[in-house]
Amino acid sequence: VQLVESGGGLVQPGGSLRLSCAASGFTFSSYGMTWYRQAPGKAREFVASISSGGGSTNYVDSVKGRFTVSRDNAKNTVYLQMSSLKPEDTAVYYCYAPGLFHWGKGTLVTVSS
């Protein structure tokens, strides 16, 4: 099982980024997927989840209306589109497969002017 996040970087407040998580080593289309984040000095927190088929999504209240989780089962990839970014969104973002108890290594998002 391998999960590889990409797409992080430095962005100004109000900007946008799209994170990707490429999955391999398992039947991706059979598993729900989740994004978490961990800000400096804080605990890791749930951000968003998507069902195996993509028809059901959930978000933490702080990102509702700004972030969108999606997936492409043909490409074995889950995405996190982030808009209207705020400095408090600065964190390492992790992809997680709950059914497999497997984490990616994360990608750093820094929101700063």
PDB file of N, CA and C in Angstrom:
ATOM      1  N   VAL A   1       0.858  -1.195   0.000  1.00  0.00           N
ATOM      2  CA  VAL A   1       0.000   0.000   0.000  1.00  0.00           C
ATOM      3  C   VAL A   1       0.885   1.234   0.000  1.00  0.00           C
ATOM      4  N   GLN A   2       0.571   2.166  -0.889  1.00  0.00           N
ATOM      5  CA  GLN A   2       1.331   3.410  -0.938  1.00  0.00           C
ATOM      6  C   GLN A   2       0.386   4.571  -1.235  1.00  0.00           C
ATOM      7  N   LEU A   3       0.555   5.644  -0.472  1.00  0.00           N
ATOM      8  CA  LEU A   3      -0.184   6.879  -0.677  1.00  0.00           C
ATOM      9  C   LEU A   3       0.832   8.004  -0.797  1.00  0.00           C
ATOM     10  N   VAL A   4       0.793   8.738  -1.894  1.00  0.00           N
ATOM     11  CA  VAL A   4       1.774   9.794  -2.133  1.00  0.00           C
ATOM     12  C   VAL A   4       1.050  11.104  -2.402  1.00  0.00           C
ATOM     13  N   GLU A   5       1.204  12.045  -1.468  1.00  0.00           N
ATOM     14  CA  GLU A   5       0.584  13.352  -1.607  1.00  0.00           C
ATOM     15  C   GLU A   5       1.486  14.286  -2.405  1.00  0.00           C
ATOM     16  N   SER A   6       0.864  15.222  -3.096  1.00  0.00           N
ATOM     17  CA  SER A   6       1.597  16.252  -3.823  1.00  0.00           C
ATOM     18  C   SER A   6       0.712  17.478  -3.962  1.00  0.00           C
ATOM     19  N   GLY A   7       1.329  18.583  -4.380  1.00  0.00           N
ATOM     20  CA  GLY A   7       0.572  19.799  -4.651  1.00  0.00           C
ATOM     21  C   GLY A   7       0.678  20.875  -3.597  1.00  0.00           C
ATOM     22  N   GLY A   8       1.362  20.587  -2.495  1.00  0.00           N
ATOM     23  CA  GLY A   8       1.525  21.600  -1.475  1.00  0.00           C
ATOM     24  C   GLY A   8       2.476  22.703  -1.915  1.00  0.00           C
ATOM     25  N   GLY A   9       2.533  23.766  -1.108  1.00  0.00           N
ATOM     26  CA  GLY A   9       3.429  24.864  -1.414  1.00  0.00           C
ATOM     27  C   GLY A   9       3.054  26.107  -0.650  1.00  0.00           C
ATOM     28  N   LEU A  10       3.647  27.213  -1.050  1.00  0.00           N
ATOM     29  CA  LEU A  10       3.391  28.508  -0.436  1.00  0.00           C
ATOM     30  C   LEU A  10       2.351  29.252  -1.270  1.00  0.00           C
ATOM     31  N   VAL A  11       1.331  29.758  -0.599  1.00  0.00           N
ATOM     32  CA  VAL A  11       0.264  30.488  -1.278  1.00  0.00           C
ATOM     33  C   VAL A  11      -0.151  31.669  -0.414  1.00  0.00           C
ATOM     34  N   GLN A  12      -0.565  32.750  -1.042  1.00  0.00           N
ATOM     35  CA  GLN A  12      -1.008  33.927  -0.304  1.00  0.00           C
ATOM     36  C   GLN A  12      -2.420  33.718   0.237  1.00  0.00           C
ATOM     37  N   PRO A  13      -2.753  34.407   1.314  1.00  0.00           N
ATOM     38  CA  PRO A  13      -4.131  34.342   1.816  1.00  0.00           C
ATOM     39  C   PRO A  13      -5.123  34.682   0.710  1.00  0.00           C
ATOM     40  N   GLY A  14      -6.204  33.904   0.656  1.00  0.00           N
ATOM     41  CA  GLY A  14      -7.189  34.072  -0.397  1.00  0.00           C
ATOM     42  C   GLY A  14      -6.917  33.253  -1.635  1.00  0.00           C
ATOM     43  N   GLY A  15      -5.754  32.636  -1.701  1.00  0.00           N
ATOM     44  CA  GLY A  15      -5.387  31.854  -2.863  1.00  0.00           C
ATOM     45  C   GLY A  15      -5.938  30.442  -2.832  1.00  0.00           C
ATOM     46  N   SER A  16      -5.543  29.674  -3.848  1.00  0.00           N
ATOM     47  CA  SER A  16      -6.048  28.307  -4.002  1.00  0.00           C
ATOM     48  C   SER A  16      -4.899  27.337  -4.264  1.00  0.00           C
ATOM     49  N   LEU A  17      -5.135  26.099  -3.884  1.00  0.00           N
ATOM     50  CA  LEU A  17      -4.225  24.995  -4.185  1.00  0.00           C
ATOM     51  C   LEU A  17      -5.055  23.743  -4.380  1.00  0.00           C
ATOM     52  N   ARG A  18      -4.524  22.821  -5.178  1.00  0.00           N
ATOM     53  CA  ARG A  18      -5.146  21.516  -5.287  1.00  0.00           C
ATOM     54  C   ARG A  18      -4.131  20.447  -4.884  1.00  0.00           C
ATOM     55  N   LEU A  19      -4.478  19.714  -3.850  1.00  0.00           N
ATOM     56  CA  LEU A  19      -3.649  18.598  -3.420  1.00  0.00           C
ATOM     57  C   LEU A  19      -4.108  17.317  -4.107  1.00  0.00           C
ATOM     58  N   SER A  20      -3.147  16.448  -4.361  1.00  0.00           N
ATOM     59  CA  SER A  20      -3.443  15.135  -4.931  1.00  0.00           C
ATOM     60  C   SER A  20      -2.848  14.057  -4.043  1.00  0.00           C
ATOM     61  N   CYS A  21      -3.493  12.904  -4.047  1.00  0.00           N
ATOM     62  CA  CYS A  21      -2.974  11.740  -3.337  1.00  0.00           C
ATOM     63  C   CYS A  21      -3.083  10.553  -4.279  1.00  0.00           C
ATOM     64  N   ALA A  22      -1.941  10.093  -4.752  1.00  0.00           N
ATOM     65  CA  ALA A  22      -1.903   8.954  -5.664  1.00  0.00           C
ATOM     66  C   ALA A  22      -1.783   7.667  -4.861  1.00  0.00           C
ATOM     67  N   ALA A  23      -2.688   6.739  -5.101  1.00  0.00           N
ATOM     68  CA  ALA A  23      -2.736   5.492  -4.345  1.00  0.00           C
ATOM     69  C   ALA A  23      -2.296   4.313  -5.200  1.00  0.00           C
ATOM     70  N   SER A  24      -1.671   3.339  -4.553  1.00  0.00           N
ATOM     71  CA  SER A  24      -1.278   2.122  -5.250  1.00  0.00           C
ATOM     72  C   SER A  24      -1.196   0.976  -4.257  1.00  0.00           C
ATOM     73  N   GLY A  25      -1.258  -0.229  -4.765  1.00  0.00           N
ATOM     74  CA  GLY A  25      -1.089  -1.398  -3.922  1.00  0.00           C
ATOM     75  C   GLY A  25      -2.361  -1.959  -3.326  1.00  0.00           C
ATOM     76  N   PHE A  26      -3.499  -1.370  -3.665  1.00  0.00           N
ATOM     77  CA  PHE A  26      -4.779  -1.870  -3.190  1.00  0.00           C
ATOM     78  C   PHE A  26      -5.867  -1.449  -4.179  1.00  0.00           C
ATOM     79  N   THR A  27      -7.049  -2.021  -3.984  1.00  0.00           N
ATOM     80  CA  THR A  27      -8.172  -1.716  -4.881  1.00  0.00           C
ATOM     81  C   THR A  27      -8.788  -0.395  -4.450  1.00  0.00           C
ATOM     82  N   PHE A  28      -8.263   0.677  -5.012  1.00  0.00           N
ATOM     83  CA  PHE A  28      -8.596   2.039  -4.589  1.00  0.00           C
ATOM     84  C   PHE A  28     -10.100   2.288  -4.596  1.00  0.00           C
ATOM     85  N   SER A  29     -10.778   1.802  -5.603  1.00  0.00           N
ATOM     86  CA  SER A  29     -12.205   2.105  -5.754  1.00  0.00           C
ATOM     87  C   SER A  29     -13.076   1.448  -4.695  1.00  0.00           C
ATOM     88  N   SER A  30     -12.498   0.593  -3.882  1.00  0.00           N
ATOM     89  CA  SER A  30     -13.258  -0.090  -2.827  1.00  0.00           C
ATOM     90  C   SER A  30     -13.180   0.608  -1.478  1.00  0.00           C
ATOM     91  N   TYR A  31     -12.396   1.666  -1.388  1.00  0.00           N
ATOM     92  CA  TYR A  31     -12.144   2.294  -0.088  1.00  0.00           C
ATOM     93  C   TYR A  31     -12.495   3.770  -0.057  1.00  0.00           C
ATOM     94  N   GLY A  32     -13.149   4.159   1.031  1.00  0.00           N
ATOM     95  CA  GLY A  32     -13.268   5.568   1.309  1.00  0.00           C
ATOM     96  C   GLY A  32     -11.902   6.153   1.635  1.00  0.00           C
ATOM     97  N   MET A  33     -11.738   7.435   1.392  1.00  0.00           N
ATOM     98  CA  MET A  33     -10.463   8.096   1.624  1.00  0.00           C
ATOM     99  C   MET A  33     -10.688   9.358   2.436  1.00  0.00           C
ATOM    100  N   THR A  34      -9.646   9.760   3.139  1.00  0.00           N
ATOM    101  CA  THR A  34      -9.765  10.880   4.066  1.00  0.00           C
ATOM    102  C   THR A  34      -8.535  11.779   3.968  1.00  0.00           C
ATOM    103  N   TRP A  35      -8.744  13.072   4.173  1.00  0.00           N
ATOM    104  CA  TRP A  35      -7.649  14.026   4.318  1.00  0.00           C
ATOM    105  C   TRP A  35      -7.611  14.505   5.769  1.00  0.00           C
ATOM    106  N   TYR A  36      -6.416  14.554   6.322  1.00  0.00           N
ATOM    107  CA  TYR A  36      -6.162  15.119   7.631  1.00  0.00           C
ATOM    108  C   TYR A  36      -5.110  16.216   7.476  1.00  0.00           C
ATOM    109  N   ARG A  37      -4.956  17.014   8.500  1.00  0.00           N
ATOM    110  CA  ARG A  37      -3.881  18.003   8.514  1.00  0.00           C
ATOM    111  C   ARG A  37      -3.346  18.158   9.930  1.00  0.00           C
ATOM    112  N   GLN A  38      -2.093  18.589   9.999  1.00  0.00           N
ATOM    113  CA  GLN A  38      -1.466  18.842  11.287  1.00  0.00           C
ATOM    114  C   GLN A  38      -0.689  20.144  11.214  1.00  0.00           C
ATOM    115  N   ALA A  39      -1.176  21.122  11.962  1.00  0.00           N
ATOM    116  CA  ALA A  39      -0.512  22.422  12.043  1.00  0.00           C
ATOM    117  C   ALA A  39       0.625  22.353  13.055  1.00  0.00           C
ATOM    118  N   PRO A  40       1.594  23.246  12.940  1.00  0.00           N
ATOM    119  CA  PRO A  40       2.716  23.236  13.878  1.00  0.00           C
ATOM    120  C   PRO A  40       2.249  23.326  15.323  1.00  0.00           C
ATOM    121  N   GLY A  41       2.684  22.388  16.149  1.00  0.00           N
ATOM    122  CA  GLY A  41       2.359  22.404  17.562  1.00  0.00           C
ATOM    123  C   GLY A  41       0.961  21.946  17.902  1.00  0.00           C
ATOM    124  N   LYS A  42       0.233  21.447  16.917  1.00  0.00           N
ATOM    125  CA  LYS A  42      -1.149  21.022  17.158  1.00  0.00           C
ATOM    126  C   LYS A  42      -1.337  19.556  16.793  1.00  0.00           C
ATOM    127  N   ALA A  43      -2.445  19.005  17.269  1.00  0.00           N
ATOM    128  CA  ALA A  43      -2.758  17.615  16.961  1.00  0.00           C
ATOM    129  C   ALA A  43      -3.258  17.490  15.518  1.00  0.00           C
ATOM    130  N   ARG A  44      -3.100  16.300  14.977  1.00  0.00           N
ATOM    131  CA  ARG A  44      -3.621  16.044  13.643  1.00  0.00           C
ATOM    132  C   ARG A  44      -5.148  16.086  13.694  1.00  0.00           C
ATOM    133  N   GLU A  45      -5.759  16.716  12.682  1.00  0.00           N
ATOM    134  CA  GLU A  45      -7.210  16.838  12.676  1.00  0.00           C
ATOM    135  C   GLU A  45      -7.799  16.405  11.332  1.00  0.00           C
ATOM    136  N   PHE A  46      -9.017  15.897  11.411  1.00  0.00           N
ATOM    137  CA  PHE A  46      -9.777  15.517  10.230  1.00  0.00           C
ATOM    138  C   PHE A  46     -10.111  16.758   9.402  1.00  0.00           C
ATOM    139  N   VAL A  47      -9.998  16.641   8.089  1.00  0.00           N
ATOM    140  CA  VAL A  47     -10.346  17.733   7.193  1.00  0.00           C
ATOM    141  C   VAL A  47     -11.547  17.361   6.324  1.00  0.00           C
ATOM    142  N   ALA A  48     -11.451  16.229   5.635  1.00  0.00           N
ATOM    143  CA  ALA A  48     -12.509  15.846   4.695  1.00  0.00           C
ATOM    144  C   ALA A  48     -12.422  14.364   4.405  1.00  0.00           C
ATOM    145  N   SER A  49     -13.562  13.801   4.012  1.00  0.00           N
ATOM    146  CA  SER A  49     -13.587  12.396   3.605  1.00  0.00           C
ATOM    147  C   SER A  49     -14.496  12.233   2.399  1.00  0.00           C
ATOM    148  N   ILE A  50     -14.267  11.146   1.679  1.00  0.00           N
ATOM    149  CA  ILE A  50     -15.075  10.836   0.512  1.00  0.00           C
ATOM    150  C   ILE A  50     -15.283   9.330   0.467  1.00  0.00           C
ATOM    151  N   SER A  51     -16.491   8.929   0.104  1.00  0.00           N
ATOM    152  CA  SER A  51     -16.814   7.509   0.038  1.00  0.00           C
ATOM    153  C   SER A  51     -16.123   6.849  -1.150  1.00  0.00           C
ATOM    154  N   SER A  52     -16.185   5.543  -1.192  1.00  0.00           N
ATOM    155  CA  SER A  52     -15.461   4.801  -2.228  1.00  0.00           C
ATOM    156  C   SER A  52     -15.897   5.186  -3.640  1.00  0.00           C
ATOM    157  N   GLY A  53     -17.185   5.444  -3.799  1.00  0.00           N
ATOM    158  CA  GLY A  53     -17.685   5.816  -5.114  1.00  0.00           C
ATOM    159  C   GLY A  53     -17.710   7.306  -5.366  1.00  0.00           C
ATOM    160  N   GLY A  54     -17.431   8.073  -4.333  1.00  0.00           N
ATOM    161  CA  GLY A  54     -17.392   9.525  -4.475  1.00  0.00           C
ATOM    162  C   GLY A  54     -18.723  10.219  -4.238  1.00  0.00           C
ATOM    163  N   GLY A  55     -19.757   9.447  -3.917  1.00  0.00           N
ATOM    164  CA  GLY A  55     -21.070  10.061  -3.797  1.00  0.00           C
ATOM    165  C   GLY A  55     -21.356  10.721  -2.460  1.00  0.00           C
ATOM    166  N   SER A  56     -20.512  10.465  -1.475  1.00  0.00           N
ATOM    167  CA  SER A  56     -20.717  11.024  -0.144  1.00  0.00           C
ATOM    168  C   SER A  56     -19.434  11.681   0.345  1.00  0.00           C
ATOM    169  N   THR A  57     -19.561  12.906   0.821  1.00  0.00           N
ATOM    170  CA  THR A  57     -18.401  13.636   1.340  1.00  0.00           C
ATOM    171  C   THR A  57     -18.743  14.265   2.692  1.00  0.00           C
ATOM    172  N   ASN A  58     -17.705  14.490   3.474  1.00  0.00           N
ATOM    173  CA  ASN A  58     -17.854  15.164   4.764  1.00  0.00           C
ATOM    174  C   ASN A  58     -16.683  16.103   4.970  1.00  0.00           C
ATOM    175  N   TYR A  59     -16.932  17.188   5.723  1.00  0.00           N
ATOM    176  CA  TYR A  59     -15.907  18.191   5.958  1.00  0.00           C
ATOM    177  C   TYR A  59     -15.945  18.654   7.405  1.00  0.00           C
ATOM    178  N   VAL A  60     -14.793  19.054   7.904  1.00  0.00           N
ATOM    179  CA  VAL A  60     -14.760  19.763   9.176  1.00  0.00           C
ATOM    180  C   VAL A  60     -15.373  21.139   8.953  1.00  0.00           C
ATOM    181  N   ASP A  61     -16.030  21.661   9.968  1.00  0.00           N
ATOM    182  CA  ASP A  61     -16.753  22.920   9.798  1.00  0.00           C
ATOM    183  C   ASP A  61     -15.869  24.056   9.304  1.00  0.00           C
ATOM    184  N   SER A  62     -14.629  24.082   9.719  1.00  0.00           N
ATOM    185  CA  SER A  62     -13.750  25.205   9.395  1.00  0.00           C
ATOM    186  C   SER A  62     -13.391  25.293   7.913  1.00  0.00           C
ATOM    187  N   VAL A  63     -13.635  24.238   7.136  1.00  0.00           N
ATOM    188  CA  VAL A  63     -13.293  24.287   5.705  1.00  0.00           C
ATOM    189  C   VAL A  63     -14.523  24.192   4.810  1.00  0.00           C
ATOM    190  N   LYS A  64     -15.693  24.018   5.392  1.00  0.00           N
ATOM    191  CA  LYS A  64     -16.910  23.904   4.579  1.00  0.00           C
ATOM    192  C   LYS A  64     -17.101  25.150   3.723  1.00  0.00           C
ATOM    193  N   GLY A  65     -17.410  24.920   2.464  1.00  0.00           N
ATOM    194  CA  GLY A  65     -17.597  26.028   1.535  1.00  0.00           C
ATOM    195  C   GLY A  65     -16.311  26.522   0.904  1.00  0.00           C
ATOM    196  N   ARG A  66     -15.167  26.066   1.421  1.00  0.00           N
ATOM    197  CA  ARG A  66     -13.877  26.492   0.865  1.00  0.00           C
ATOM    198  C   ARG A  66     -13.098  25.327   0.244  1.00  0.00           C
ATOM    199  N   PHE A  67     -13.231  24.141   0.806  1.00  0.00           N
ATOM    200  CA  PHE A  67     -12.503  22.959   0.329  1.00  0.00           C
ATOM    201  C   PHE A  67     -13.483  21.988  -0.322  1.00  0.00           C
ATOM    202  N   THR A  68     -12.996  21.278  -1.330  1.00  0.00           N
ATOM    203  CA  THR A  68     -13.789  20.245  -1.987  1.00  0.00           C
ATOM    204  C   THR A  68     -12.936  18.997  -2.180  1.00  0.00           C
ATOM    205  N   VAL A  69     -13.432  17.880  -1.678  1.00  0.00           N
ATOM    206  CA  VAL A  69     -12.739  16.605  -1.864  1.00  0.00           C
ATOM    207  C   VAL A  69     -13.392  15.868  -3.033  1.00  0.00           C
ATOM    208  N   SER A  70     -12.567  15.249  -3.848  1.00  0.00           N
ATOM    209  CA  SER A  70     -13.070  14.491  -5.001  1.00  0.00           C
ATOM    210  C   SER A  70     -12.108  13.336  -5.282  1.00  0.00           C
ATOM    211  N   ARG A  71     -12.520  12.470  -6.176  1.00  0.00           N
ATOM    212  CA  ARG A  71     -11.646  11.338  -6.509  1.00  0.00           C
ATOM    213  C   ARG A  71     -11.864  10.917  -7.950  1.00  0.00           C
ATOM    214  N   ASP A  72     -10.825  10.305  -8.509  1.00  0.00           N
ATOM    215  CA  ASP A  72     -10.885   9.734  -9.844  1.00  0.00           C
ATOM    216  C   ASP A  72     -10.447   8.283  -9.704  1.00  0.00           C
ATOM    217  N   ASN A  73     -11.390   7.382  -9.667  1.00  0.00           N
ATOM    218  CA  ASN A  73     -11.053   5.979  -9.441  1.00  0.00           C
ATOM    219  C   ASN A  73     -10.297   5.370 -10.624  1.00  0.00           C
ATOM    220  N   ALA A  74     -10.447   5.942 -11.795  1.00  0.00           N
ATOM    221  CA  ALA A  74      -9.689   5.450 -12.952  1.00  0.00           C
ATOM    222  C   ALA A  74      -8.204   5.781 -12.822  1.00  0.00           C
ATOM    223  N   LYS A  75      -7.913   6.847 -12.082  1.00  0.00           N
ATOM    224  CA  LYS A  75      -6.523   7.281 -11.886  1.00  0.00           C
ATOM    225  C   LYS A  75      -5.998   6.939 -10.502  1.00  0.00           C
ATOM    226  N   ASN A  76      -6.829   6.267  -9.692  1.00  0.00           N
ATOM    227  CA  ASN A  76      -6.419   5.916  -8.323  1.00  0.00           C
ATOM    228  C   ASN A  76      -5.922   7.141  -7.545  1.00  0.00           C
ATOM    229  N   THR A  77      -6.652   8.217  -7.652  1.00  0.00           N
ATOM    230  CA  THR A  77      -6.217   9.478  -7.061  1.00  0.00           C
ATOM    231  C   THR A  77      -7.380  10.173  -6.358  1.00  0.00           C
ATOM    232  N   VAL A  78      -7.092  10.715  -5.189  1.00  0.00           N
ATOM    233  CA  VAL A  78      -8.046  11.550  -4.474  1.00  0.00           C
ATOM    234  C   VAL A  78      -7.474  12.967  -4.410  1.00  0.00           C
ATOM    235  N   TYR A  79      -8.348  13.942  -4.494  1.00  0.00           N
ATOM    236  CA  TYR A  79      -7.944  15.342  -4.561  1.00  0.00           C
ATOM    237  C   TYR A  79      -8.550  16.137  -3.412  1.00  0.00           C
ATOM    238  N   LEU A  80      -7.893  17.242  -3.083  1.00  0.00           N
ATOM    239  CA  LEU A  80      -8.450  18.216  -2.161  1.00  0.00           C
ATOM    240  C   LEU A  80      -8.240  19.589  -2.788  1.00  0.00           C
ATOM    241  N   GLN A  81      -9.319  20.158  -3.309  1.00  0.00           N
ATOM    242  CA  GLN A  81      -9.278  21.508  -3.864  1.00  0.00           C
ATOM    243  C   GLN A  81      -9.513  22.498  -2.731  1.00  0.00           C
ATOM    244  N   MET A  82      -8.558  23.378  -2.512  1.00  0.00           N
ATOM    245  CA  MET A  82      -8.625  24.330  -1.408  1.00  0.00           C
ATOM    246  C   MET A  82      -8.676  25.743  -1.974  1.00  0.00           C
ATOM    247  N   SER A  83      -9.683  26.494  -1.571  1.00  0.00           N
ATOM    248  CA  SER A  83      -9.851  27.866  -2.026  1.00  0.00           C
ATOM    249  C   SER A  83     -10.007  28.793  -0.835  1.00  0.00           C
ATOM    250  N   SER A  84      -9.901  30.081  -1.095  1.00  0.00           N
ATOM    251  CA  SER A  84     -10.022  31.093  -0.029  1.00  0.00           C
ATOM    252  C   SER A  84      -9.161  30.710   1.171  1.00  0.00           C
ATOM    253  N   LEU A  85      -7.941  30.357   0.891  1.00  0.00           N
ATOM    254  CA  LEU A  85      -7.059  29.863   1.944  1.00  0.00           C
ATOM    255  C   LEU A  85      -6.740  30.946   2.967  1.00  0.00           C
ATOM    256  N   LYS A  86      -6.614  30.502   4.213  1.00  0.00           N
ATOM    257  CA  LYS A  86      -6.338  31.388   5.334  1.00  0.00           C
ATOM    258  C   LYS A  86      -5.024  30.963   5.993  1.00  0.00           C
ATOM    259  N   PRO A  87      -4.367  31.869   6.696  1.00  0.00           N
ATOM    260  CA  PRO A  87      -3.130  31.482   7.397  1.00  0.00           C
ATOM    261  C   PRO A  87      -3.329  30.283   8.328  1.00  0.00           C
ATOM    262  N   GLU A  88      -4.502  30.169   8.914  1.00  0.00           N
ATOM    263  CA  GLU A  88      -4.760  29.043   9.830  1.00  0.00           C
ATOM    264  C   GLU A  88      -4.919  27.710   9.101  1.00  0.00           C
ATOM    265  N   ASP A  89      -4.924  27.726   7.784  1.00  0.00           N
ATOM    266  CA  ASP A  89      -4.918  26.473   7.017  1.00  0.00           C
ATOM    267  C   ASP A  89      -3.501  25.918   6.848  1.00  0.00           C
ATOM    268  N   THR A  90      -2.508  26.674   7.281  1.00  0.00           N
ATOM    269  CA  THR A  90      -1.123  26.218   7.197  1.00  0.00           C
ATOM    270  C   THR A  90      -0.947  24.933   7.999  1.00  0.00           C
ATOM    271  N   ALA A  91      -0.468  23.888   7.333  1.00  0.00           N
ATOM    272  CA  ALA A  91      -0.327  22.581   7.971  1.00  0.00           C
ATOM    273  C   ALA A  91       0.311  21.610   6.989  1.00  0.00           C
ATOM    274  N   VAL A  92       0.715  20.476   7.517  1.00  0.00           N
ATOM    275  CA  VAL A  92       1.046  19.339   6.668  1.00  0.00           C
ATOM    276  C   VAL A  92      -0.255  18.569   6.433  1.00  0.00           C
ATOM    277  N   TYR A  93      -0.570  18.323   5.187  1.00  0.00           N
ATOM    278  CA  TYR A  93      -1.809  17.642   4.815  1.00  0.00           C
ATOM    279  C   TYR A  93      -1.489  16.194   4.466  1.00  0.00           C
ATOM    280  N   TYR A  94      -2.245  15.286   5.081  1.00  0.00           N
ATOM    281  CA  TYR A  94      -2.032  13.860   4.922  1.00  0.00           C
ATOM    282  C   TYR A  94      -3.242  13.185   4.278  1.00  0.00           C
ATOM    283  N   CYS A  95      -2.952  12.230   3.452  1.00  0.00           N
ATOM    284  CA  CYS A  95      -3.953  11.354   2.878  1.00  0.00           C
ATOM    285  C   CYS A  95      -4.005  10.086   3.744  1.00  0.00           C
ATOM    286  N   TYR A  96      -5.216   9.592   4.004  1.00  0.00           N
ATOM    287  CA  TYR A  96      -5.368   8.441   4.898  1.00  0.00           C
ATOM    288  C   TYR A  96      -6.427   7.505   4.338  1.00  0.00           C
ATOM    289  N   ALA A  97      -6.108   6.223   4.355  1.00  0.00           N
ATOM    290  CA  ALA A  97      -7.050   5.186   3.967  1.00  0.00           C
ATOM    291  C   ALA A  97      -7.543   4.487   5.230  1.00  0.00           C
ATOM    292  N   PRO A  98      -8.702   4.871   5.762  1.00  0.00           N
ATOM    293  CA  PRO A  98      -9.164   4.330   7.044  1.00  0.00           C
ATOM    294  C   PRO A  98      -9.296   2.809   7.056  1.00  0.00           C
ATOM    295  N   GLY A  99      -9.757   2.236   5.954  1.00  0.00           N
ATOM    296  CA  GLY A  99      -9.954   0.797   5.922  1.00  0.00           C
ATOM    297  C   GLY A  99      -8.667   0.003   5.939  1.00  0.00           C
ATOM    298  N   LEU A 100      -7.558   0.678   5.646  1.00  0.00           N
ATOM    299  CA  LEU A 100      -6.258   0.025   5.600  1.00  0.00           C
ATOM    300  C   LEU A 100      -5.324   0.541   6.680  1.00  0.00           C
ATOM    301  N   PHE A 101      -5.775   1.520   7.449  1.00  0.00           N
ATOM    302  CA  PHE A 101      -4.959   2.128   8.514  1.00  0.00           C
ATOM    303  C   PHE A 101      -3.603   2.572   7.971  1.00  0.00           C
ATOM    304  N   HIS A 102      -3.637   3.215   6.813  1.00  0.00           N
ATOM    305  CA  HIS A 102      -2.381   3.599   6.161  1.00  0.00           C
ATOM    306  C   HIS A 102      -2.369   5.089   5.857  1.00  0.00           C
ATOM    307  N   TRP A 103      -1.246   5.733   6.175  1.00  0.00           N
ATOM    308  CA  TRP A 103      -1.065   7.170   5.965  1.00  0.00           C
ATOM    309  C   TRP A 103      -0.043   7.422   4.868  1.00  0.00           C
ATOM    310  N   GLY A 104      -0.227   8.548   4.162  1.00  0.00           N
ATOM    311  CA  GLY A 104       0.824   9.050   3.313  1.00  0.00           C
ATOM    312  C   GLY A 104       1.832   9.829   4.159  1.00  0.00           C
ATOM    313  N   LYS A 105       2.873  10.351   3.513  1.00  0.00           N
ATOM    314  CA  LYS A 105       3.913  11.089   4.243  1.00  0.00           C
ATOM    315  C   LYS A 105       3.597  12.555   4.386  1.00  0.00           C
ATOM    316  N   GLY A 106       2.592  13.040   3.652  1.00  0.00           N
ATOM    317  CA  GLY A 106       2.153  14.408   3.810  1.00  0.00           C
ATOM    318  C   GLY A 106       2.771  15.384   2.826  1.00  0.00           C
ATOM    319  N   THR A 107       2.079  16.512   2.660  1.00  0.00           N
ATOM    320  CA  THR A 107       2.574  17.608   1.837  1.00  0.00           C
ATOM    321  C   THR A 107       2.288  18.908   2.580  1.00  0.00           C
ATOM    322  N   LEU A 108       3.271  19.808   2.606  1.00  0.00           N
ATOM    323  CA  LEU A 108       3.175  21.028   3.401  1.00  0.00           C
ATOM    324  C   LEU A 108       2.472  22.132   2.617  1.00  0.00           C
ATOM    325  N   VAL A 109       1.483  22.720   3.265  1.00  0.00           N
ATOM    326  CA  VAL A 109       0.787  23.895   2.732  1.00  0.00           C
ATOM    327  C   VAL A 109       1.061  25.061   3.667  1.00  0.00           C
ATOM    328  N   THR A 110       1.596  26.143   3.111  1.00  0.00           N
ATOM    329  CA  THR A 110       1.876  27.340   3.890  1.00  0.00           C
ATOM    330  C   THR A 110       1.107  28.498   3.281  1.00  0.00           C
ATOM    331  N   VAL A 111       0.272  29.105   4.103  1.00  0.00           N
ATOM    332  CA  VAL A 111      -0.525  30.249   3.649  1.00  0.00           C
ATOM    333  C   VAL A 111       0.018  31.494   4.335  1.00  0.00           C
ATOM    334  N   SER A 112       0.653  32.331   3.555  1.00  0.00           N
ATOM    335  CA  SER A 112       1.319  33.498   4.134  1.00  0.00           C
ATOM    336  C   SER A 112       1.542  34.555   3.059  1.00  0.00           C
ATOM    337  N   SER A 113       1.512  35.815   3.489  1.00  0.00           N
ATOM    338  CA  SER A 113       1.807  36.904   2.569  1.00  0.00           C
ATOM    339  C   SER A 113       3.282  37.284   2.650  1.00  0.00           C
TER     340      SER A 113
END
